[in-house]
Amino acid sequence: MMQISPNAEKKIMEILSQEDPNARLRMFVEGGGCSGFQYGFSIETDVNTDDWEIDLNETKILVDPVSMQYLENIVLDFREDLQGSRFVINNPNAATTCGCGSSFSPN
């Protein structure tokens, strides 16, 4: 199962507090990026029947079943530094990642 750092959880709750009360953060993986697959995020109010729902204290993160196979055992973090503010994914299943960390190729 994926892990979410306190920094990431705080940022997710901050983002969702400005949205519809039923809004959820969706994480997904899609083809593209410089390493083959790229991570994506969206805000959604609809939950699909086959979605994985990862519990946070006050909400859930949604992940579709195809993306979940690539996101298994990741650690989602949020960082603010000289490069800006962004979600950072530590993916032990990635064989390679790009320099910015937004794309990867699976093992």
C-alpha atoms as a PDB file:
ATOM      1  CA  MET A   1       0.000   0.000   0.000  1.00  0.00           C
ATOM      2  CA  MET A   2       1.152   3.534  -0.603  1.00  0.00           C
ATOM      3  CA  GLN A   3       2.331   5.853   2.152  1.00  0.00           C
ATOM      4  CA  ILE A   4       1.577   9.553   2.393  1.00  0.00           C
ATOM      5  CA  SER A   5       3.929  11.850   4.312  1.00  0.00           C
ATOM      6  CA  PRO A   6       2.521  14.387   6.790  1.00  0.00           C
ATOM      7  CA  ASN A   7       3.631  17.205   4.432  1.00  0.00           C
ATOM      8  CA  ALA A   8       1.732  15.653   1.507  1.00  0.00           C
ATOM      9  CA  GLU A   9      -1.357  15.025   3.618  1.00  0.00           C
ATOM     10  CA  LYS A  10      -1.344  18.627   4.858  1.00  0.00           C
ATOM     11  CA  LYS A  11      -1.058  19.965   1.288  1.00  0.00           C
ATOM     12  CA  ILE A  12      -3.795  17.662  -0.007  1.00  0.00           C
ATOM     13  CA  MET A  13      -6.144  18.838   2.735  1.00  0.00           C
ATOM     14  CA  GLU A  14      -5.244  22.471   1.985  1.00  0.00           C
ATOM     15  CA  ILE A  15      -6.021  22.007  -1.729  1.00  0.00           C
ATOM     16  CA  LEU A  16      -9.262  20.117  -1.093  1.00  0.00           C
ATOM     17  CA  SER A  17     -10.477  22.699   1.436  1.00  0.00           C
ATOM     18  CA  GLN A  18     -10.888  25.091  -1.493  1.00  0.00           C
ATOM     19  CA  GLU A  19     -12.942  22.597  -3.513  1.00  0.00           C
ATOM     20  CA  ASP A  20     -16.368  20.970  -3.399  1.00  0.00           C
ATOM     21  CA  PRO A  21     -16.896  19.087  -0.093  1.00  0.00           C
ATOM     22  CA  ASN A  22     -17.083  15.810  -2.065  1.00  0.00           C
ATOM     23  CA  ALA A  23     -13.816  16.464  -3.918  1.00  0.00           C
ATOM     24  CA  ARG A  24     -11.018  13.894  -3.803  1.00  0.00           C
ATOM     25  CA  LEU A  25      -7.479  13.894  -5.102  1.00  0.00           C
ATOM     26  CA  ARG A  26      -6.964  11.339  -7.872  1.00  0.00           C
ATOM     27  CA  MET A  27      -3.471   9.986  -8.559  1.00  0.00           C
ATOM     28  CA  PHE A  28      -2.858   8.226 -11.840  1.00  0.00           C
ATOM     29  CA  VAL A  29      -0.168   6.966 -14.174  1.00  0.00           C
ATOM     30  CA  GLU A  30      -0.317   7.524 -17.917  1.00  0.00           C
ATOM     31  CA  GLY A  31       1.938   6.970 -20.886  1.00  0.00           C
ATOM     32  CA  GLY A  32       4.289   9.823 -21.716  1.00  0.00           C
ATOM     33  CA  GLY A  33       7.012  11.789 -20.057  1.00  0.00           C
ATOM     34  CA  CYS A  34      10.692  11.424 -20.776  1.00  0.00           C
ATOM     35  CA  SER A  35      10.984   8.016 -19.068  1.00  0.00           C
ATOM     36  CA  GLY A  36       7.888   6.270 -20.478  1.00  0.00           C
ATOM     37  CA  PHE A  37       5.182   6.805 -17.847  1.00  0.00           C
ATOM     38  CA  GLN A  38       4.254   9.953 -15.980  1.00  0.00           C
ATOM     39  CA  TYR A  39       2.413  10.661 -12.752  1.00  0.00           C
ATOM     40  CA  GLY A  40      -0.714  12.755 -12.771  1.00  0.00           C
ATOM     41  CA  PHE A  41      -3.062  14.361 -10.274  1.00  0.00           C
ATOM     42  CA  SER A  42      -6.594  15.689 -10.634  1.00  0.00           C
ATOM     43  CA  ILE A  43      -9.414  16.837  -8.378  1.00  0.00           C
ATOM     44  CA  GLU A  44     -12.606  14.819  -8.848  1.00  0.00           C
ATOM     45  CA  THR A  45     -15.953  14.389  -7.167  1.00  0.00           C
ATOM     46  CA  ASP A  46     -16.892  11.117  -8.892  1.00  0.00           C
ATOM     47  CA  VAL A  47     -15.687   7.790  -7.553  1.00  0.00           C
ATOM     48  CA  ASN A  48     -15.613   4.836  -9.951  1.00  0.00           C
ATOM     49  CA  THR A  49     -16.765   1.457  -8.636  1.00  0.00           C
ATOM     50  CA  ASP A  50     -13.320  -0.086  -9.230  1.00  0.00           C
ATOM     51  CA  ASP A  51     -11.274   2.780  -7.720  1.00  0.00           C
ATOM     52  CA  TRP A  52      -8.920   2.142  -4.855  1.00  0.00           C
ATOM     53  CA  GLU A  53      -9.638   4.567  -2.023  1.00  0.00           C
ATOM     54  CA  ILE A  54      -6.650   5.353   0.189  1.00  0.00           C
ATOM     55  CA  ASP A  55      -7.800   6.783   3.513  1.00  0.00           C
ATOM     56  CA  LEU A  56      -6.452  10.008   4.895  1.00  0.00           C
ATOM     57  CA  ASN A  57      -7.758  11.530   8.103  1.00  0.00           C
ATOM     58  CA  GLU A  58     -10.541  13.552   6.495  1.00  0.00           C
ATOM     59  CA  THR A  59     -10.659  12.375   2.884  1.00  0.00           C
ATOM     60  CA  LYS A  60      -9.510   9.686   0.474  1.00  0.00           C
ATOM     61  CA  ILE A  61      -7.112   9.566  -2.460  1.00  0.00           C
ATOM     62  CA  LEU A  62      -8.527   7.816  -5.521  1.00  0.00           C
ATOM     63  CA  VAL A  63      -6.442   5.520  -7.736  1.00  0.00           C
ATOM     64  CA  ASP A  64      -7.716   3.501 -10.701  1.00  0.00           C
ATOM     65  CA  PRO A  65      -6.751  -0.209 -10.800  1.00  0.00           C
ATOM     66  CA  VAL A  66      -4.367   0.121 -13.770  1.00  0.00           C
ATOM     67  CA  SER A  67      -2.448   2.956 -12.093  1.00  0.00           C
ATOM     68  CA  MET A  68      -2.407   1.152  -8.741  1.00  0.00           C
ATOM     69  CA  GLN A  69      -0.103  -1.560 -10.097  1.00  0.00           C
ATOM     70  CA  TYR A  70       2.526   1.151 -10.725  1.00  0.00           C
ATOM     71  CA  LEU A  71       1.864   3.042  -7.479  1.00  0.00           C
ATOM     72  CA  GLU A  72       2.072   0.072  -5.115  1.00  0.00           C
ATOM     73  CA  ASN A  73       4.470   0.820  -2.213  1.00  0.00           C
ATOM     74  CA  ILE A  74       5.201   4.425  -3.235  1.00  0.00           C
ATOM     75  CA  VAL A  75       5.770   7.229  -0.762  1.00  0.00           C
ATOM     76  CA  LEU A  76       3.991  10.476  -1.682  1.00  0.00           C
ATOM     77  CA  ASP A  77       5.637  13.578  -0.253  1.00  0.00           C
ATOM     78  CA  PHE A  78       5.277  17.326  -0.751  1.00  0.00           C
ATOM     79  CA  ARG A  79       8.324  19.590  -0.871  1.00  0.00           C
ATOM     80  CA  GLU A  80       8.913  23.315  -1.008  1.00  0.00           C
ATOM     81  CA  ASP A  81      12.469  24.329  -1.875  1.00  0.00           C
ATOM     82  CA  LEU A  82      14.480  26.343  -4.406  1.00  0.00           C
ATOM     83  CA  GLN A  83      13.003  24.244  -7.229  1.00  0.00           C
ATOM     84  CA  GLY A  84       9.482  25.254  -6.208  1.00  0.00           C
ATOM     85  CA  SER A  85       6.647  23.426  -4.504  1.00  0.00           C
ATOM     86  CA  ARG A  86       5.584  20.028  -5.772  1.00  0.00           C
ATOM     87  CA  PHE A  87       4.475  16.544  -4.903  1.00  0.00           C
ATOM     88  CA  VAL A  88       7.368  14.087  -4.969  1.00  0.00           C
ATOM     89  CA  ILE A  89       6.913  10.364  -5.466  1.00  0.00           C
ATOM     90  CA  ASN A  90       9.472   7.863  -4.224  1.00  0.00           C
ATOM     91  CA  ASN A  91       8.671   4.755  -6.273  1.00  0.00           C
ATOM     92  CA  PRO A  92      10.618   1.583  -5.405  1.00  0.00           C
ATOM     93  CA  ASN A  93       9.081  -0.095  -8.490  1.00  0.00           C
ATOM     94  CA  ALA A  94      10.698   2.362 -10.919  1.00  0.00           C
ATOM     95  CA  ALA A  95      13.699   1.108 -12.885  1.00  0.00           C
ATOM     96  CA  THR A  96      14.577   4.662 -13.947  1.00  0.00           C
ATOM     97  CA  THR A  97      13.200   8.145 -13.338  1.00  0.00           C
ATOM     98  CA  CYS A  98      13.685  11.444 -15.111  1.00  0.00           C
ATOM     99  CA  GLY A  99      15.612  14.314 -13.552  1.00  0.00           C
ATOM    100  CA  CYS A 100      12.506  16.185 -12.433  1.00  0.00           C
ATOM    101  CA  GLY A 101      10.915  13.063 -10.947  1.00  0.00           C
ATOM    102  CA  SER A 102       7.610  13.348 -12.800  1.00  0.00           C
ATOM    103  CA  SER A 103       8.129  10.336 -15.062  1.00  0.00           C
ATOM    104  CA  PHE A 104       9.520   6.824 -14.727  1.00  0.00           C
ATOM    105  CA  SER A 105       9.929   3.460 -16.369  1.00  0.00           C
ATOM    106  CA  PRO A 106       8.746   0.413 -14.401  1.00  0.00           C
ATOM    107  CA  ASN A 107      10.870  -2.591 -13.457  1.00  0.00           C
END
